[in-house]
Protein backbone atom coordinates (compact mmCIF):
# COMPACT_ATOMS: atom_id res chain seq x y z
CA MET A 1 9.52 204.93 251.36
CA THR A 2 8.65 203.05 248.14
CA ASP A 3 8.85 199.68 247.59
CA SER A 4 12.37 199.48 245.90
CA ALA A 5 14.03 202.74 248.28
CA HIS A 6 16.60 201.79 250.20
CA ARG A 7 18.02 204.29 252.89
CA SER A 8 20.61 203.91 255.14
CA ASP A 9 22.50 205.24 257.87
CA PRO A 10 26.27 204.92 257.77
CA PRO A 11 26.59 206.06 261.39
CA THR A 12 24.33 203.30 263.04
CA GLY A 13 24.86 201.04 259.85
CA LEU A 14 21.03 200.47 259.82
CA GLU A 15 19.50 199.80 256.45
CA GLU A 16 15.73 200.24 255.59
CA LEU A 17 14.45 197.40 253.69
CA SER A 18 11.92 197.39 250.85
CA VAL A 19 8.66 196.00 251.06
CA GLU A 20 9.85 193.49 248.83
CA GLU A 21 12.75 192.40 251.24
CA ALA A 22 10.42 192.75 253.74
CA TRP A 23 7.98 190.10 252.57
CA GLU A 24 10.87 187.72 251.65
CA LEU A 25 12.33 187.62 254.88
CA LEU A 26 8.68 186.84 256.51
CA GLY A 27 8.35 184.21 254.05
CA GLN A 28 11.27 182.71 255.39
CA LYS A 29 10.75 182.43 258.76
CA SER A 30 7.81 180.62 260.85
CA TYR A 31 7.60 181.98 264.30
CA GLY A 32 6.91 185.86 265.26
CA ARG A 33 4.88 188.03 267.78
CA ILE A 34 1.32 189.35 267.19
CA ALA A 35 0.69 192.57 269.24
CA VAL A 36 -2.71 193.36 270.05
CA ILE A 37 -4.62 195.99 272.38
CA ASP A 38 -6.22 194.31 275.20
CA GLY A 39 -8.73 196.71 276.45
CA SER A 40 -6.18 199.85 277.46
CA ALA A 41 -2.90 197.95 277.64
CA PRO A 42 -0.70 196.41 275.04
CA ASP A 43 0.01 192.41 274.59
CA ILE A 44 2.18 190.67 273.18
CA PHE A 45 1.74 186.70 271.88
CA PRO A 46 5.00 184.80 270.06
CA VAL A 47 3.34 182.30 267.49
CA ASN A 48 4.03 180.58 264.58
CA PHE A 49 2.72 181.38 261.10
CA VAL A 50 2.78 181.67 257.37
CA VAL A 51 2.41 183.77 254.69
CA HIS A 52 -0.34 183.53 252.40
CA GLU A 53 -1.03 185.49 249.27
CA GLY A 54 0.27 188.84 251.25
CA THR A 55 -1.55 188.07 254.37
CA ILE A 56 -0.27 186.67 257.68
CA VAL A 57 -1.75 183.37 258.64
CA ILE A 58 -1.99 182.08 262.52
CA ARG A 59 -3.71 178.97 264.09
CA THR A 60 -5.19 179.84 267.19
CA GLU A 61 -8.12 179.29 269.11
CA ALA A 62 -10.76 181.64 271.03
CA GLY A 63 -9.39 184.00 273.80
CA THR A 64 -7.23 187.51 274.31
CA LYS A 65 -5.52 186.96 271.22
CA LEU A 66 -8.21 186.47 268.60
CA ALA A 67 -10.88 188.61 270.17
CA ALA A 68 -8.53 191.51 270.58
CA ALA A 69 -7.00 191.08 266.94
CA THR A 70 -10.24 191.19 265.22
CA MET A 71 -12.30 193.60 267.52
CA MET A 72 -9.61 196.09 267.72
CA SER A 73 -8.77 198.58 264.86
CA SER A 74 -5.30 197.04 264.31
CA VAL A 75 -2.35 195.08 265.11
CA ALA A 76 1.35 194.81 264.49
CA PHE A 77 3.17 191.92 263.53
CA GLU A 78 7.01 191.24 264.09
CA VAL A 79 9.57 189.13 263.01
CA ASP A 80 13.20 189.17 263.44
CA GLU A 81 16.77 187.41 263.24
CA VAL A 82 19.72 188.39 265.55
CA ASP A 83 23.53 187.20 265.62
CA VAL A 84 24.15 188.32 268.86
CA ASP A 85 28.06 187.40 268.38
CA THR A 86 28.28 189.69 265.26
CA HIS A 87 25.44 192.45 266.32
CA GLN A 88 23.45 191.56 262.74
CA GLY A 89 20.44 191.11 262.17
CA TRP A 90 16.77 192.41 260.71
CA SER A 91 13.61 192.92 262.33
CA VAL A 92 10.03 193.48 259.92
CA VAL A 93 7.28 194.67 261.04
CA VAL A 94 3.59 194.69 259.54
CA LYS A 95 0.83 196.87 260.95
CA GLY A 96 -2.63 196.08 259.16
CA HIS A 97 -6.00 194.23 260.40
CA GLY A 98 -6.86 190.78 261.92
CA HIS A 99 -9.96 188.91 260.85
CA GLU A 100 -11.22 185.57 260.84
CA PRO A 101 -12.00 183.91 257.55
CA ARG A 102 -15.56 184.88 256.67
CA THR A 103 -16.65 182.22 253.94
CA VAL A 104 -16.58 178.57 253.82
CA GLU A 105 -14.50 178.77 250.90
CA ASP A 106 -12.05 181.33 252.94
CA VAL A 107 -11.64 178.14 255.28
CA LEU A 108 -11.00 175.38 252.79
CA ASP A 109 -8.69 178.01 251.36
CA LEU A 110 -6.55 178.08 254.33
CA GLU A 111 -6.81 174.33 255.43
CA LYS A 112 -4.71 173.46 252.26
CA ILE A 113 -1.73 175.41 253.52
CA ASP A 114 1.15 174.17 255.70
CA LEU A 115 0.72 175.43 259.38
CA VAL A 116 0.78 173.03 261.89
CA PRO A 117 0.62 174.47 265.63
CA TRP A 118 3.60 174.02 267.58
CA VAL A 119 2.09 173.99 270.95
CA ASP A 120 -0.01 170.48 271.47
CA ALA A 121 -3.04 172.24 271.87
CA PRO A 122 -6.38 172.90 269.90
CA LYS A 123 -6.01 175.32 267.43
CA SER A 124 -9.43 175.19 265.57
CA ARG A 125 -9.56 179.11 264.32
CA TRP A 126 -7.87 181.10 262.24
CA LEU A 127 -6.35 184.87 262.42
CA VAL A 128 -5.40 186.39 259.27
CA VAL A 129 -3.27 190.00 259.47
CA THR A 130 -4.11 191.77 256.26
CA PRO A 131 -1.26 194.33 255.76
CA THR A 132 -1.49 198.13 255.82
CA GLU A 133 2.05 199.13 256.23
CA THR A 134 5.11 196.92 256.10
CA THR A 135 8.42 198.02 257.45
CA GLY A 136 11.87 196.85 257.64
CA ARG A 137 15.50 197.22 258.65
CA ARG A 138 18.19 195.78 258.67
CA ILE A 139 21.91 196.41 261.09
CA ARG A 140 25.23 194.89 259.19
């Protein structure tokens, strides 16, 4: 699908979002889920995040999420919004690669963004998801 293409399926009411629309919706949210492979099994973690320079940025600490996201070949990140009363909503999935900042300059750049962890626990590390594919769907 090209960045500006829209495809919809009238029988189901599903509409594929353009990449631009998907990133616009991502930028409006601060809570999502990151999926990683832990050993041989998938695992999903709820996280708060920000969109920063075309990436997804998460504050975290050493542990399964960070290790799996940076050591495995790929991750998936998902954000959605659902109205259960009207059965409308959307979902965006970003597939990509996770990494920690590599230079002091990269860390200092991230320290300037407005990303405050929701949980009252140390979050001294950064996880950056660089996208390789972005897809989204909306149901009306």
